[in-house]
Structure formats: structure tokens, C-alpha cells
Amino acid sequence: MYQRFVEQYPKLGQAWDLIADQGADGPLDERTQRLIKLGIAMGAMRTGAVHSGVRKALALGITEEELEQVVALAAGTLGMPSTVANYSWVRDVLDAEGD
């Protein structure tokens, strides 16, 4: 759907790429950036962004245990109901990958 969206709105796609490029420009390595972005998606309660973040993290070699630690770290800030929701979104992807 993202690809279809940027085909319909190419200038928004270009703007998004510039935002992503600027955010990646700094001292943090790609793995750290990916884990931080996943934590932000969790805090914002963005289901699709969590799913996407987990898939991208797995592609970088980030382990299931590391992803689950991000969920656990979120608990103190988000509270139990939001953390359980995030856990279920992470498991959606992990369980699908295991099939």
C-alpha cells in the first residue's frame, strides 16, 4: 500500500525519504536506530509501524529476544494494557515468520 501511495503522491514520497535520510544522519548505528524507532512506534501505539519495525529489525538480524526486551522496556512507561497490545503486535510478526 505504501508503494501505491507514493506513486499517487510522489512529492510526499520524496519528502518522506528526506525526513528518513536526515534522521539516519548521525552517530547511531542502524541497529540502534531500528530499535529506537520500534520503541517510538510502540509508544505511539501504531500497530502498522510496530509490524513494519519488527520486520525491518528481523531483516537486520535483530533477535526475537532483543525485540521482546524492547516490549519489556516499554512496560514502565506505557503501562500494562498498552504493553500487552504491543507484545501482541510484535508476536503477530514473529509468529508469522515462524510459520
PDB file of N, CA and C in Angstrom:
ATOM      1  N   MET A   1       0.821  -1.184   0.000  1.00  0.00           N
ATOM      2  CA  MET A   1       0.000   0.000   0.000  1.00  0.00           C
ATOM      3  C   MET A   1       0.875   1.263   0.000  1.00  0.00           C
ATOM      4  N   TYR A   2       2.008   1.184   0.714  1.00  0.00           N
ATOM      5  CA  TYR A   2       2.918   2.334   0.731  1.00  0.00           C
ATOM      6  C   TYR A   2       3.363   2.684  -0.684  1.00  0.00           C
ATOM      7  N   GLN A   3       3.752   1.678  -1.441  1.00  0.00           N
ATOM      8  CA  GLN A   3       4.223   1.925  -2.808  1.00  0.00           C
ATOM      9  C   GLN A   3       3.132   2.578  -3.644  1.00  0.00           C
ATOM     10  N   ARG A   4       1.924   2.101  -3.497  1.00  0.00           N
ATOM     11  CA  ARG A   4       0.793   2.688  -4.232  1.00  0.00           C
ATOM     12  C   ARG A   4       0.586   4.143  -3.832  1.00  0.00           C
ATOM     13  N   PHE A   5       0.706   4.414  -2.527  1.00  0.00           N
ATOM     14  CA  PHE A   5       0.544   5.778  -2.028  1.00  0.00           C
ATOM     15  C   PHE A   5       1.578   6.725  -2.639  1.00  0.00           C
ATOM     16  N   VAL A   6       2.860   6.313  -2.632  1.00  0.00           N
ATOM     17  CA  VAL A   6       3.894   7.213  -3.158  1.00  0.00           C
ATOM     18  C   VAL A   6       3.821   7.336  -4.681  1.00  0.00           C
ATOM     19  N   GLU A   7       3.267   6.343  -5.339  1.00  0.00           N
ATOM     20  CA  GLU A   7       3.033   6.504  -6.777  1.00  0.00           C
ATOM     21  C   GLU A   7       1.953   7.552  -7.021  1.00  0.00           C
ATOM     22  N   GLN A   8       0.944   7.563  -6.173  1.00  0.00           N
ATOM     23  CA  GLN A   8      -0.140   8.551  -6.276  1.00  0.00           C
ATOM     24  C   GLN A   8       0.337   9.943  -5.867  1.00  0.00           C
ATOM     25  N   TYR A   9       1.212   9.995  -4.865  1.00  0.00           N
ATOM     26  CA  TYR A   9       1.689  11.268  -4.304  1.00  0.00           C
ATOM     27  C   TYR A   9       3.216  11.271  -4.248  1.00  0.00           C
ATOM     28  N   PRO A  10       3.874  11.394  -5.392  1.00  0.00           N
ATOM     29  CA  PRO A  10       5.334  11.255  -5.423  1.00  0.00           C
ATOM     30  C   PRO A  10       6.075  12.318  -4.609  1.00  0.00           C
ATOM     31  N   LYS A  11       5.563  13.517  -4.530  1.00  0.00           N
ATOM     32  CA  LYS A  11       6.256  14.552  -3.749  1.00  0.00           C
ATOM     33  C   LYS A  11       6.236  14.223  -2.257  1.00  0.00           C
ATOM     34  N   LEU A  12       5.135  13.629  -1.789  1.00  0.00           N
ATOM     35  CA  LEU A  12       5.099  13.205  -0.384  1.00  0.00           C
ATOM     36  C   LEU A  12       6.094  12.073  -0.147  1.00  0.00           C
ATOM     37  N   GLY A  13       6.223  11.167  -1.112  1.00  0.00           N
ATOM     38  CA  GLY A  13       7.213  10.101  -1.008  1.00  0.00           C
ATOM     39  C   GLY A  13       8.628  10.649  -0.938  1.00  0.00           C
ATOM     40  N   GLN A  14       8.899  11.655  -1.756  1.00  0.00           N
ATOM     41  CA  GLN A  14      10.234  12.275  -1.748  1.00  0.00           C
ATOM     42  C   GLN A  14      10.490  12.975  -0.414  1.00  0.00           C
ATOM     43  N   ALA A  15       9.469  13.666   0.098  1.00  0.00           N
ATOM     44  CA  ALA A  15       9.613  14.355   1.384  1.00  0.00           C
ATOM     45  C   ALA A  15       9.873  13.348   2.499  1.00  0.00           C
ATOM     46  N   TRP A  16       9.159  12.230   2.453  1.00  0.00           N
ATOM     47  CA  TRP A  16       9.350  11.184   3.459  1.00  0.00           C
ATOM     48  C   TRP A  16      10.770  10.643   3.419  1.00  0.00           C
ATOM     49  N   ASP A  17      11.287  10.422   2.208  1.00  0.00           N
ATOM     50  CA  ASP A  17      12.663   9.932   2.062  1.00  0.00           C
ATOM     51  C   ASP A  17      13.660  10.918   2.652  1.00  0.00           C
ATOM     52  N   LEU A  18      13.425  12.212   2.446  1.00  0.00           N
ATOM     53  CA  LEU A  18      14.320  13.229   3.007  1.00  0.00           C
ATOM     54  C   LEU A  18      14.278  13.230   4.538  1.00  0.00           C
ATOM     55  N   ILE A  19      13.083  13.081   5.096  1.00  0.00           N
ATOM     56  CA  ILE A  19      12.951  13.013   6.556  1.00  0.00           C
ATOM     57  C   ILE A  19      13.712  11.802   7.095  1.00  0.00           C
ATOM     58  N   ALA A  20      13.530  10.654   6.455  1.00  0.00           N
ATOM     59  CA  ALA A  20      14.215   9.432   6.892  1.00  0.00           C
ATOM     60  C   ALA A  20      15.728   9.576   6.774  1.00  0.00           C
ATOM     61  N   ASP A  21      16.192  10.167   5.680  1.00  0.00           N
ATOM     62  CA  ASP A  21      17.630  10.363   5.482  1.00  0.00           C
ATOM     63  C   ASP A  21      18.212  11.260   6.563  1.00  0.00           C
ATOM     64  N   GLN A  22      17.518  12.334   6.887  1.00  0.00           N
ATOM     65  CA  GLN A  22      18.019  13.264   7.893  1.00  0.00           C
ATOM     66  C   GLN A  22      18.070  12.602   9.261  1.00  0.00           C
ATOM     67  N   GLY A  23      17.043  11.826   9.590  1.00  0.00           N
ATOM     68  CA  GLY A  23      17.019  11.137  10.882  1.00  0.00           C
ATOM     69  C   GLY A  23      18.135  10.120  11.023  1.00  0.00           C
ATOM     70  N   ALA A  24      18.511   9.499   9.920  1.00  0.00           N
ATOM     71  CA  ALA A  24      19.561   8.474   9.954  1.00  0.00           C
ATOM     72  C   ALA A  24      20.957   9.079   9.981  1.00  0.00           C
ATOM     73  N   ASP A  25      21.064  10.379   9.735  1.00  0.00           N
ATOM     74  CA  ASP A  25      22.358  11.045   9.674  1.00  0.00           C
ATOM     75  C   ASP A  25      22.831  11.394  11.086  1.00  0.00           C
ATOM     76  N   GLY A  26      23.684  10.567  11.628  1.00  0.00           N
ATOM     77  CA  GLY A  26      24.181  10.810  12.980  1.00  0.00           C
ATOM     78  C   GLY A  26      25.025   9.646  13.459  1.00  0.00           C
ATOM     79  N   PRO A  27      25.371   9.658  14.734  1.00  0.00           N
ATOM     80  CA  PRO A  27      26.323   8.669  15.246  1.00  0.00           C
ATOM     81  C   PRO A  27      25.730   7.301  15.575  1.00  0.00           C
ATOM     82  N   LEU A  28      24.407   7.173  15.610  1.00  0.00           N
ATOM     83  CA  LEU A  28      23.820   5.890  15.977  1.00  0.00           C
ATOM     84  C   LEU A  28      23.893   4.908  14.814  1.00  0.00           C
ATOM     85  N   ASP A  29      24.261   3.666  15.126  1.00  0.00           N
ATOM     86  CA  ASP A  29      24.313   2.656  14.069  1.00  0.00           C
ATOM     87  C   ASP A  29      22.892   2.235  13.679  1.00  0.00           C
ATOM     88  N   GLU A  30      22.795   1.495  12.578  1.00  0.00           N
ATOM     89  CA  GLU A  30      21.492   1.136  12.010  1.00  0.00           C
ATOM     90  C   GLU A  30      20.655   0.275  12.961  1.00  0.00           C
ATOM     91  N   ARG A  31      21.287  -0.645  13.662  1.00  0.00           N
ATOM     92  CA  ARG A  31      20.557  -1.490  14.614  1.00  0.00           C
ATOM     93  C   ARG A  31      19.956  -0.648  15.742  1.00  0.00           C
ATOM     94  N   THR A  32      20.745   0.250  16.282  1.00  0.00           N
ATOM     95  CA  THR A  32      20.257   1.105  17.365  1.00  0.00           C
ATOM     96  C   THR A  32      19.120   1.984  16.867  1.00  0.00           C
ATOM     97  N   GLN A  33      19.281   2.551  15.683  1.00  0.00           N
ATOM     98  CA  GLN A  33      18.213   3.370  15.099  1.00  0.00           C
ATOM     99  C   GLN A  33      16.929   2.569  14.960  1.00  0.00           C
ATOM    100  N   ARG A  34      17.050   1.334  14.486  1.00  0.00           N
ATOM    101  CA  ARG A  34      15.866   0.493  14.266  1.00  0.00           C
ATOM    102  C   ARG A  34      15.164   0.201  15.583  1.00  0.00           C
ATOM    103  N   LEU A  35      15.922  -0.114  16.644  1.00  0.00           N
ATOM    104  CA  LEU A  35      15.319  -0.394  17.947  1.00  0.00           C
ATOM    105  C   LEU A  35      14.659   0.848  18.537  1.00  0.00           C
ATOM    106  N   ILE A  36      15.274   1.999  18.368  1.00  0.00           N
ATOM    107  CA  ILE A  36      14.675   3.247  18.858  1.00  0.00           C
ATOM    108  C   ILE A  36      13.377   3.537  18.113  1.00  0.00           C
ATOM    109  N   LYS A  37      13.409   3.388  16.794  1.00  0.00           N
ATOM    110  CA  LYS A  37      12.197   3.644  16.007  1.00  0.00           C
ATOM    111  C   LYS A  37      11.079   2.676  16.394  1.00  0.00           C
ATOM    112  N   LEU A  38      11.425   1.429  16.694  1.00  0.00           N
ATOM    113  CA  LEU A  38      10.422   0.474  17.145  1.00  0.00           C
ATOM    114  C   LEU A  38       9.828   0.927  18.481  1.00  0.00           C
ATOM    115  N   GLY A  39      10.674   1.368  19.393  1.00  0.00           N
ATOM    116  CA  GLY A  39      10.177   1.864  20.680  1.00  0.00           C
ATOM    117  C   GLY A  39       9.255   3.063  20.519  1.00  0.00           C
ATOM    118  N   ILE A  40       9.587   3.943  19.590  1.00  0.00           N
ATOM    119  CA  ILE A  40       8.727   5.106  19.334  1.00  0.00           C
ATOM    120  C   ILE A  40       7.380   4.652  18.780  1.00  0.00           C
ATOM    121  N   ALA A  41       7.409   3.702  17.840  1.00  0.00           N
ATOM    122  CA  ALA A  41       6.161   3.172  17.277  1.00  0.00           C
ATOM    123  C   ALA A  41       5.299   2.554  18.373  1.00  0.00           C
ATOM    124  N   MET A  42       5.946   1.845  19.303  1.00  0.00           N
ATOM    125  CA  MET A  42       5.211   1.246  20.410  1.00  0.00           C
ATOM    126  C   MET A  42       4.581   2.324  21.288  1.00  0.00           C
ATOM    127  N   GLY A  43       5.360   3.336  21.615  1.00  0.00           N
ATOM    128  CA  GLY A  43       4.851   4.411  22.465  1.00  0.00           C
ATOM    129  C   GLY A  43       3.703   5.170  21.826  1.00  0.00           C
ATOM    130  N   ALA A  44       3.747   5.288  20.501  1.00  0.00           N
ATOM    131  CA  ALA A  44       2.686   5.984  19.772  1.00  0.00           C
ATOM    132  C   ALA A  44       1.494   5.068  19.492  1.00  0.00           C
ATOM    133  N   MET A  45       1.642   3.780  19.856  1.00  0.00           N
ATOM    134  CA  MET A  45       0.576   2.794  19.663  1.00  0.00           C
ATOM    135  C   MET A  45       0.155   2.695  18.195  1.00  0.00           C
ATOM    136  N   ARG A  46       1.163   2.602  17.325  1.00  0.00           N
ATOM    137  CA  ARG A  46       0.941   2.499  15.881  1.00  0.00           C
ATOM    138  C   ARG A  46       1.134   1.050  15.443  1.00  0.00           C
ATOM    139  N   THR A  47       0.047   0.323  15.334  1.00  0.00           N
ATOM    140  CA  THR A  47       0.096  -1.099  15.008  1.00  0.00           C
ATOM    141  C   THR A  47       0.915  -1.379  13.763  1.00  0.00           C
ATOM    142  N   GLY A  48       0.601  -0.688  12.682  1.00  0.00           N
ATOM    143  CA  GLY A  48       1.303  -0.928  11.420  1.00  0.00           C
ATOM    144  C   GLY A  48       2.779  -0.616  11.515  1.00  0.00           C
ATOM    145  N   ALA A  49       3.127   0.444  12.234  1.00  0.00           N
ATOM    146  CA  ALA A  49       4.531   0.814  12.387  1.00  0.00           C
ATOM    147  C   ALA A  49       5.274  -0.210  13.238  1.00  0.00           C
ATOM    148  N   VAL A  50       4.605  -0.785  14.230  1.00  0.00           N
ATOM    149  CA  VAL A  50       5.244  -1.835  15.025  1.00  0.00           C
ATOM    150  C   VAL A  50       5.468  -3.067  14.153  1.00  0.00           C
ATOM    151  N   HIS A  51       4.453  -3.486  13.408  1.00  0.00           N
ATOM    152  CA  HIS A  51       4.616  -4.628  12.497  1.00  0.00           C
ATOM    153  C   HIS A  51       5.781  -4.394  11.540  1.00  0.00           C
ATOM    154  N   SER A  52       5.785  -3.233  10.903  1.00  0.00           N
ATOM    155  CA  SER A  52       6.845  -2.903   9.947  1.00  0.00           C
ATOM    156  C   SER A  52       8.205  -2.848  10.635  1.00  0.00           C
ATOM    157  N   GLY A  53       8.246  -2.239  11.820  1.00  0.00           N
ATOM    158  CA  GLY A  53       9.501  -2.129  12.558  1.00  0.00           C
ATOM    159  C   GLY A  53      10.074  -3.486  12.933  1.00  0.00           C
ATOM    160  N   VAL A  54       9.206  -4.420  13.302  1.00  0.00           N
ATOM    161  CA  VAL A  54       9.676  -5.767  13.646  1.00  0.00           C
ATOM    162  C   VAL A  54      10.226  -6.458  12.400  1.00  0.00           C
ATOM    163  N   ARG A  55       9.518  -6.358  11.281  1.00  0.00           N
ATOM    164  CA  ARG A  55      10.016  -6.981  10.042  1.00  0.00           C
ATOM    165  C   ARG A  55      11.373  -6.400   9.649  1.00  0.00           C
ATOM    166  N   LYS A  56      11.516  -5.084   9.730  1.00  0.00           N
ATOM    167  CA  LYS A  56      12.789  -4.440   9.373  1.00  0.00           C
ATOM    168  C   LYS A  56      13.890  -4.835  10.355  1.00  0.00           C
ATOM    169  N   ALA A  57      13.544  -4.953  11.632  1.00  0.00           N
ATOM    170  CA  ALA A  57      14.532  -5.354  12.638  1.00  0.00           C
ATOM    171  C   ALA A  57      15.016  -6.776  12.376  1.00  0.00           C
ATOM    172  N   LEU A  58      14.098  -7.672  12.083  1.00  0.00           N
ATOM    173  CA  LEU A  58      14.487  -9.045  11.785  1.00  0.00           C
ATOM    174  C   LEU A  58      15.402  -9.103  10.564  1.00  0.00           C
ATOM    175  N   ALA A  59      15.118  -8.281   9.570  1.00  0.00           N
ATOM    176  CA  ALA A  59      15.946  -8.241   8.362  1.00  0.00           C
ATOM    177  C   ALA A  59      17.367  -7.772   8.672  1.00  0.00           C
ATOM    178  N   LEU A  60      17.530  -7.002   9.735  1.00  0.00           N
ATOM    179  CA  LEU A  60      18.862  -6.539  10.157  1.00  0.00           C
ATOM    180  C   LEU A  60      19.563  -7.544  11.060  1.00  0.00           C
ATOM    181  N   GLY A  61      18.882  -8.624  11.386  1.00  0.00           N
ATOM    182  CA  GLY A  61      19.483  -9.618  12.266  1.00  0.00           C
ATOM    183  C   GLY A  61      19.214  -9.391  13.737  1.00  0.00           C
ATOM    184  N   ILE A  62      18.328  -8.479  14.056  1.00  0.00           N
ATOM    185  CA  ILE A  62      17.937  -8.263  15.449  1.00  0.00           C
ATOM    186  C   ILE A  62      17.130  -9.482  15.886  1.00  0.00           C
ATOM    187  N   THR A  63      17.436  -9.988  17.053  1.00  0.00           N
ATOM    188  CA  THR A  63      16.854 -11.256  17.501  1.00  0.00           C
ATOM    189  C   THR A  63      15.482 -11.064  18.142  1.00  0.00           C
ATOM    190  N   GLU A  64      14.774 -12.172  18.235  1.00  0.00           N
ATOM    191  CA  GLU A  64      13.480 -12.189  18.916  1.00  0.00           C
ATOM    192  C   GLU A  64      13.637 -11.721  20.359  1.00  0.00           C
ATOM    193  N   GLU A  65      14.697 -12.169  21.015  1.00  0.00           N
ATOM    194  CA  GLU A  65      14.934 -11.783  22.409  1.00  0.00           C
ATOM    195  C   GLU A  65      15.145 -10.276  22.537  1.00  0.00           C
ATOM    196  N   GLU A  66      15.873  -9.687  21.598  1.00  0.00           N
ATOM    197  CA  GLU A  66      16.079  -8.236  21.639  1.00  0.00           C
ATOM    198  C   GLU A  66      14.765  -7.492  21.430  1.00  0.00           C
ATOM    199  N   LEU A  67      13.941  -7.980  20.514  1.00  0.00           N
ATOM    200  CA  LEU A  67      12.644  -7.349  20.262  1.00  0.00           C
ATOM    201  C   LEU A  67      11.745  -7.450  21.494  1.00  0.00           C
ATOM    202  N   GLU A  68      11.768  -8.597  22.135  1.00  0.00           N
ATOM    203  CA  GLU A  68      10.951  -8.765  23.329  1.00  0.00           C
ATOM    204  C   GLU A  68      11.458  -7.901  24.486  1.00  0.00           C
ATOM    205  N   GLN A  69      12.754  -7.628  24.526  1.00  0.00           N
ATOM    206  CA  GLN A  69      13.267  -6.723  25.557  1.00  0.00           C
ATOM    207  C   GLN A  69      12.745  -5.314  25.335  1.00  0.00           C
ATOM    208  N   VAL A  70      12.600  -4.899  24.082  1.00  0.00           N
ATOM    209  CA  VAL A  70      12.026  -3.575  23.806  1.00  0.00           C
ATOM    210  C   VAL A  70      10.609  -3.508  24.368  1.00  0.00           C
ATOM    211  N   VAL A  71       9.845  -4.573  24.189  1.00  0.00           N
ATOM    212  CA  VAL A  71       8.492  -4.624  24.751  1.00  0.00           C
ATOM    213  C   VAL A  71       8.553  -4.483  26.271  1.00  0.00           C
ATOM    214  N   ALA A  72       9.425  -5.238  26.900  1.00  0.00           N
ATOM    215  CA  ALA A  72       9.543  -5.195  28.360  1.00  0.00           C
ATOM    216  C   ALA A  72       9.963  -3.808  28.843  1.00  0.00           C
ATOM    217  N   LEU A  73      10.870  -3.165  28.107  1.00  0.00           N
ATOM    218  CA  LEU A  73      11.305  -1.813  28.488  1.00  0.00           C
ATOM    219  C   LEU A  73      10.162  -0.807  28.404  1.00  0.00           C
ATOM    220  N   ALA A  74       9.236  -1.049  27.502  1.00  0.00           N
ATOM    221  CA  ALA A  74       8.112  -0.127  27.323  1.00  0.00           C
ATOM    222  C   ALA A  74       7.123  -0.184  28.487  1.00  0.00           C
ATOM    223  N   ALA A  75       7.101  -1.291  29.196  1.00  0.00           N
ATOM    224  CA  ALA A  75       6.078  -1.510  30.220  1.00  0.00           C
ATOM    225  C   ALA A  75       6.033  -0.411  31.277  1.00  0.00           C
ATOM    226  N   GLY A  76       7.183   0.011  31.760  1.00  0.00           N
ATOM    227  CA  GLY A  76       7.220   1.015  32.818  1.00  0.00           C
ATOM    228  C   GLY A  76       6.678   2.362  32.386  1.00  0.00           C
ATOM    229  N   THR A  77       6.773   2.655  31.118  1.00  0.00           N
ATOM    230  CA  THR A  77       6.283   3.933  30.601  1.00  0.00           C
ATOM    231  C   THR A  77       4.846   3.832  30.101  1.00  0.00           C
ATOM    232  N   LEU A  78       4.532   2.748  29.405  1.00  0.00           N
ATOM    233  CA  LEU A  78       3.227   2.631  28.750  1.00  0.00           C
ATOM    234  C   LEU A  78       2.142   2.053  29.639  1.00  0.00           C
ATOM    235  N   GLY A  79       2.532   1.258  30.624  1.00  0.00           N
ATOM    236  CA  GLY A  79       1.531   0.564  31.420  1.00  0.00           C
ATOM    237  C   GLY A  79       1.199  -0.787  30.808  1.00  0.00           C
ATOM    238  N   MET A  80       0.497  -1.589  31.564  1.00  0.00           N
ATOM    239  CA  MET A  80       0.264  -2.971  31.180  1.00  0.00           C
ATOM    240  C   MET A  80      -0.626  -3.132  29.945  1.00  0.00           C
ATOM    241  N   PRO A  81      -1.789  -2.499  29.850  1.00  0.00           N
ATOM    242  CA  PRO A  81      -2.631  -2.734  28.670  1.00  0.00           C
ATOM    243  C   PRO A  81      -1.938  -2.375  27.348  1.00  0.00           C
ATOM    244  N   SER A  82      -1.255  -1.260  27.306  1.00  0.00           N
ATOM    245  CA  SER A  82      -0.555  -0.851  26.081  1.00  0.00           C
ATOM    246  C   SER A  82       0.618  -1.771  25.782  1.00  0.00           C
ATOM    247  N   THR A  83       1.294  -2.216  26.820  1.00  0.00           N
ATOM    248  CA  THR A  83       2.418  -3.126  26.622  1.00  0.00           C
ATOM    249  C   THR A  83       1.948  -4.470  26.087  1.00  0.00           C
ATOM    250  N   VAL A  84       0.840  -4.975  26.602  1.00  0.00           N
ATOM    251  CA  VAL A  84       0.300  -6.236  26.102  1.00  0.00           C
ATOM    252  C   VAL A  84      -0.128  -6.077  24.644  1.00  0.00           C
ATOM    253  N   ALA A  85      -0.717  -4.941  24.295  1.00  0.00           N
ATOM    254  CA  ALA A  85      -1.073  -4.694  22.896  1.00  0.00           C
ATOM    255  C   ALA A  85       0.173  -4.720  22.023  1.00  0.00           C
ATOM    256  N   ASN A  86       1.224  -4.032  22.445  1.00  0.00           N
ATOM    257  CA  ASN A  86       2.469  -4.023  21.683  1.00  0.00           C
ATOM    258  C   ASN A  86       3.074  -5.415  21.586  1.00  0.00           C
ATOM    259  N   TYR A  87       3.020  -6.164  22.663  1.00  0.00           N
ATOM    260  CA  TYR A  87       3.527  -7.537  22.642  1.00  0.00           C
ATOM    261  C   TYR A  87       2.782  -8.352  21.589  1.00  0.00           C
ATOM    262  N   SER A  88       1.468  -8.175  21.523  1.00  0.00           N
ATOM    263  CA  SER A  88       0.695  -8.935  20.541  1.00  0.00           C
ATOM    264  C   SER A  88       1.071  -8.535  19.117  1.00  0.00           C
ATOM    265  N   TRP A  89       1.375  -7.254  18.883  1.00  0.00           N
ATOM    266  CA  TRP A  89       1.766  -6.803  17.544  1.00  0.00           C
ATOM    267  C   TRP A  89       3.136  -7.356  17.160  1.00  0.00           C
ATOM    268  N   VAL A  90       4.048  -7.397  18.123  1.00  0.00           N
ATOM    269  CA  VAL A  90       5.372  -7.995  17.863  1.00  0.00           C
ATOM    270  C   VAL A  90       5.206  -9.480  17.573  1.00  0.00           C
ATOM    271  N   ARG A  91       4.394 -10.163  18.387  1.00  0.00           N
ATOM    272  CA  ARG A  91       4.188 -11.597  18.183  1.00  0.00           C
ATOM    273  C   ARG A  91       3.500 -11.886  16.858  1.00  0.00           C
ATOM    274  N   ASP A  92       2.622 -10.981  16.391  1.00  0.00           N
ATOM    275  CA  ASP A  92       1.989 -11.169  15.080  1.00  0.00           C
ATOM    276  C   ASP A  92       3.050 -11.468  14.024  1.00  0.00           C
ATOM    277  N   VAL A  93       4.090 -10.655  14.014  1.00  0.00           N
ATOM    278  CA  VAL A  93       5.133 -10.789  13.007  1.00  0.00           C
ATOM    279  C   VAL A  93       6.033 -11.979  13.311  1.00  0.00           C
ATOM    280  N   LEU A  94       6.451 -12.109  14.561  1.00  0.00           N
ATOM    281  CA  LEU A  94       7.337 -13.213  14.927  1.00  0.00           C
ATOM    282  C   LEU A  94       6.678 -14.566  14.652  1.00  0.00           C
ATOM    283  N   ASP A  95       5.403 -14.689  15.015  1.00  0.00           N
ATOM    284  CA  ASP A  95       4.711 -15.953  14.793  1.00  0.00           C
ATOM    285  C   ASP A  95       4.515 -16.222  13.308  1.00  0.00           C
ATOM    286  N   ALA A  96       4.243 -15.183  12.537  1.00  0.00           N
ATOM    287  CA  ALA A  96       4.100 -15.354  11.076  1.00  0.00           C
ATOM    288  C   ALA A  96       5.424 -15.759  10.451  1.00  0.00           C
ATOM    289  N   GLU A  97       6.527 -15.217  10.955  1.00  0.00           N
ATOM    290  CA  GLU A  97       7.853 -15.563  10.441  1.00  0.00           C
ATOM    291  C   GLU A  97       8.196 -17.013  10.754  1.00  0.00           C
ATOM    292  N   GLY A  98       7.667 -17.506  11.882  1.00  0.00           N
ATOM    293  CA  GLY A  98       7.956 -18.865  12.296  1.00  0.00           C
ATOM    294  C   GLY A  98       7.173 -19.915  11.525  1.00  0.00           C
ATOM    295  N   ASP A  99       6.123 -19.485  10.833  1.00  0.00           N
ATOM    296  CA  ASP A  99       5.291 -20.429  10.055  1.00  0.00           C
ATOM    297  C   ASP A  99       5.954 -20.876   8.786  1.00  0.00           C
TER     298      ASP A  99
END
